[in-house]
Each structure stands twice: as structure tokens, then as C-alpha cells.
Protein backbone atom coordinates (compact mmCIF):
# COMPACT_ATOMS: atom_id res chain seq x y z
CA MET A 1 105.93 -9.95 83.43
CA LEU A 2 109.59 -11.59 82.82
CA LYS A 3 108.78 -13.71 79.80
CA TYR A 4 112.27 -13.01 77.88
CA LEU A 5 114.38 -13.96 81.14
CA GLN A 6 113.32 -17.44 81.58
CA GLY A 7 116.19 -20.00 82.38
CA TYR A 8 117.98 -17.24 84.10
CA PRO A 9 118.49 -17.65 88.08
CA SER A 10 115.71 -16.72 90.33
CA GLU A 11 118.10 -14.56 92.09
CA THR A 12 118.55 -12.62 88.75
CA LEU A 13 114.87 -12.42 87.80
CA ALA A 14 114.53 -11.11 91.02
CA LYS A 15 116.31 -8.25 91.04
CA VAL A 16 115.43 -7.44 87.38
CA GLN A 17 111.43 -7.94 89.47
CA GLN A 18 112.68 -5.10 91.78
CA LEU A 19 114.07 -2.70 89.04
CA VAL A 20 110.42 -3.18 86.88
CA GLU A 21 108.38 -2.36 90.27
CA GLU A 22 110.32 0.70 90.86
CA GLN A 23 110.61 1.52 87.63
CA ARG A 24 114.28 1.82 87.61
CA LEU A 25 114.55 -0.61 84.89
CA GLY A 26 114.92 2.15 82.14
CA GLU A 27 116.97 4.34 83.84
CA LEU A 28 119.37 1.67 84.10
CA LEU A 29 119.43 1.32 80.57
CA LEU A 30 119.80 4.70 79.37
CA LYS A 31 122.87 4.84 82.18
CA LYS A 32 124.45 2.04 79.89
CA TYR A 33 123.62 2.47 76.82
CA LYS A 34 123.53 6.35 75.91
CA THR A 35 123.07 6.17 72.38
CA THR A 36 121.50 4.88 69.40
CA HIS A 37 122.96 4.02 65.92
CA SER A 38 122.75 5.71 62.45
CA ILE A 39 121.74 2.38 60.39
CA GLN A 40 118.63 3.62 59.29
CA SER A 41 118.45 2.10 55.61
CA ASP A 42 118.61 -1.31 54.33
CA THR A 43 121.71 -0.42 52.34
CA ALA A 44 123.60 1.00 55.69
CA LEU A 45 122.30 -2.50 57.08
CA PHE A 46 123.61 -4.49 54.36
CA ASP A 47 127.16 -2.55 54.16
CA TYR A 48 127.14 -3.33 58.36
CA VAL A 49 126.17 -6.97 58.26
CA GLN A 50 128.69 -7.24 55.30
CA ALA A 51 131.71 -5.98 57.08
CA LEU A 52 130.88 -7.91 59.80
CA LYS A 53 130.95 -10.96 57.67
CA SER A 54 134.34 -9.70 56.13
CA GLU A 55 135.86 -9.47 59.55
CA HIS A 56 135.00 -12.33 60.98
CA LEU A 57 133.40 -15.23 58.81
CA ARG A 58 135.25 -14.74 55.13
CA SER A 59 134.90 -18.17 54.21
CA ALA A 60 131.37 -18.12 54.63
CA ASP A 61 128.46 -18.00 51.80
CA PRO A 62 128.09 -14.87 50.52
CA LEU A 63 124.94 -12.52 51.62
CA SER A 64 122.46 -11.73 48.98
CA LYS A 65 120.31 -9.95 51.16
CA VAL A 66 120.13 -8.14 54.60
CA CYS A 67 117.12 -5.62 55.39
CA PHE A 68 115.10 -4.79 58.10
CA ASP A 69 111.36 -6.34 58.64
CA SER A 70 108.61 -4.72 60.07
CA LYS A 71 106.67 -8.25 60.04
CA LEU A 72 109.05 -9.50 62.30
CA HIS A 73 107.51 -9.68 66.09
CA VAL A 74 109.37 -9.53 69.55
CA ILE A 75 106.34 -11.29 70.37
CA ALA A 76 107.06 -14.52 68.21
CA HIS A 77 110.28 -14.94 69.45
CA ALA A 78 111.88 -13.53 66.18
CA LEU A 79 114.33 -10.62 66.65
CA GLY A 80 115.97 -11.58 63.46
CA THR A 81 116.09 -14.57 60.61
CA HIS A 82 118.14 -16.01 58.43
CA THR A 83 117.18 -18.29 55.43
CA THR A 84 118.60 -19.86 52.43
CA VAL A 85 116.77 -20.30 49.26
CA SER A 86 118.37 -22.71 46.99
CA ARG A 87 117.24 -22.51 43.29
CA VAL A 88 118.35 -24.97 40.34
CA GLN A 89 120.03 -22.58 37.48
CA GLY A 90 120.86 -24.97 34.77
CA ASN A 91 122.87 -27.68 35.97
CA LYS A 92 124.21 -26.07 39.10
CA LEU A 93 122.16 -25.44 42.78
CA LYS A 94 122.76 -21.86 43.80
CA ALA A 95 121.61 -20.50 47.30
CA LYS A 96 121.26 -17.27 48.00
CA ARG A 97 121.25 -16.47 52.08
CA GLU A 98 119.31 -13.39 53.52
CA ILE A 99 119.40 -11.82 56.84
CA ARG A 100 116.33 -10.01 58.34
CA VAL A 101 116.30 -7.94 61.37
CA ALA A 102 113.15 -6.94 63.20
CA THR A 103 112.36 -3.35 62.27
CA LEU A 104 112.48 -2.81 66.40
CA PHE A 105 116.20 -2.40 65.87
CA ARG A 106 116.58 0.99 64.22
CA ASP A 107 116.43 2.67 67.22
CA THR A 108 118.51 1.02 69.70
CA PRO A 109 121.68 1.36 70.96
CA PRO A 110 124.57 0.09 68.30
CA GLU A 111 125.30 -3.19 71.01
CA PHE A 112 121.95 -4.30 70.52
CA LEU A 113 122.03 -4.22 66.40
CA LYS A 114 125.55 -5.74 66.73
CA MET A 115 124.38 -8.67 68.87
CA ILE A 116 121.57 -9.56 66.64
CA ALA A 117 123.68 -9.26 63.32
CA VAL A 118 126.45 -11.29 64.93
CA HIS A 119 123.42 -13.99 65.91
CA GLU A 120 122.14 -14.12 62.51
CA LEU A 121 125.40 -14.41 61.08
CA ALA A 122 126.59 -17.13 63.06
CA HIS A 123 123.36 -19.11 62.20
CA ILE A 124 125.42 -19.36 58.94
CA LYS A 125 127.80 -21.75 60.10
CA GLU A 126 126.19 -23.03 62.94
CA LYS A 127 122.55 -23.88 62.31
CA ALA A 128 121.20 -25.15 66.02
CA HIS A 129 121.92 -22.98 69.18
CA ASP A 130 124.59 -25.11 70.76
CA LYS A 131 127.71 -24.58 72.50
CA ALA A 132 129.56 -24.28 69.08
CA PHE A 133 127.07 -21.58 67.83
CA TYR A 134 127.47 -19.18 71.16
CA LYS A 135 131.56 -19.98 70.57
CA LEU A 136 131.04 -18.33 67.51
CA CYS A 137 129.05 -15.35 68.40
CA THR A 138 131.45 -14.53 71.57
CA TYR A 139 134.40 -14.60 69.07
CA MET A 140 132.50 -11.87 66.66
CA GLU A 141 131.51 -9.96 69.70
CA PRO A 142 133.04 -11.02 73.24
CA ASP A 143 130.81 -9.21 74.83
CA TYR A 144 127.70 -11.18 73.13
CA HIS A 145 126.41 -12.84 76.43
CA GLN A 146 125.85 -9.34 78.17
CA PHE A 147 124.52 -7.50 75.17
CA GLU A 148 122.24 -10.72 74.61
CA PHE A 149 120.93 -10.27 78.31
CA ASP A 150 120.81 -6.37 78.42
CA LEU A 151 118.31 -6.50 75.06
CA ARG A 152 116.26 -9.00 76.53
CA LEU A 153 116.32 -6.38 79.78
CA TYR A 154 115.22 -3.70 77.07
CA LEU A 155 112.30 -6.06 76.06
CA THR A 156 110.99 -6.61 79.65
CA HIS A 157 110.77 -2.62 80.00
CA LEU A 158 109.04 -2.28 76.52
CA ASP A 159 106.36 -4.84 77.67
CA SER A 160 105.81 -2.75 80.96
CA GLY A 161 104.85 0.17 78.42
CA GLU A 162 107.31 2.47 78.56
CA LYS A 163 109.66 4.09 75.92
CA LEU A 164 113.13 4.59 76.23
CA VAL A 165 114.22 7.50 74.41
CA TRP A 166 118.15 7.52 73.33
CA GLY A 167 120.57 9.65 72.66
CA GLN A 168 121.65 11.01 69.55
CA ALA A 169 122.73 8.29 66.64
CA THR A 170 126.73 7.50 66.32
CA MET A 171 128.39 4.64 64.19
């Protein structure tokens, strides 16, 4: 039941389990995150991620594509992906970088979208989920770890079969 929270301390898991059993996890999330974002198109998503990249990773390779992807599934633990496609053009090697975000993020609070965008952008500089990677994530979003944990709570809530209806879109 708590598959998205593996690795967290047993006290934390016990508290979450109690919230799930009392059907209060959704209420907690709705109290903390009141609205969804307004980014619904691939163009708007590209602009949003590009703005984050320009602010925090100016010298990183350019992005050629950013889009929502309905083929990414939470079950496979893929909330977003980053890829580099290399092609030979003449005597030069050209690399195109793409970020794909699970369509699940179309209807979530802006903090969750920012967390996944920051996560995928960090992979441009750091490939592995190591100390340097998470340091870069928290540089781009100081509350990264809290947003990631709360997103895991949201996924746990979805697993319970209940939906959340967030308020009006913002951003």
C-alpha cells in the first residue's frame, strides 16, 4: 500500500498508514495544496521548463522538446523522462535533449509540476540520483524534498482509489 514511500522511517510510514486508514490523507493534501496550475499544453509546458532552465542552468545544453506524455505511467515509476538523441549532421555530432512529463501532472498543484520539472532538468547536468543531483534539485527549488514527499503522499492517495479535486488553476 505504501510502495511510493519505501525507504522512509517506520514512524513516518506508520503516520501515513494511519492517515490512509482514517481516509484523511486527501484532506491533508487539499489543505496544504489548494489549487492546480494552468499549464495544459505542451507549448506552455515547454515555456515553463525553459524559464526554469534559463534561471538556473543557463549554460546547460538547450532543450529541443518538452511535452506531456500519456505513455509514462506511475506504475513503472516514471513520472518524467529526459533523453538525449544524438545524430550526425555532416561532420558534426548534434544532440537533442527532450523532457517528457507524465500527463498526471496536468492536474496537480504547481509545486508538484515544478518538482518534476526541476528533477528532469537536474538530469541534464547530473545523470545519477546522487548527492550532487539532489544538491542541484534543492538549488533550483529549496523545498524540493518536501514537494517530492508530498507527491509520494498524493500517489499513495491515488492508489487508495480516491481522487482529489483541487481548486481553480493558478500560475
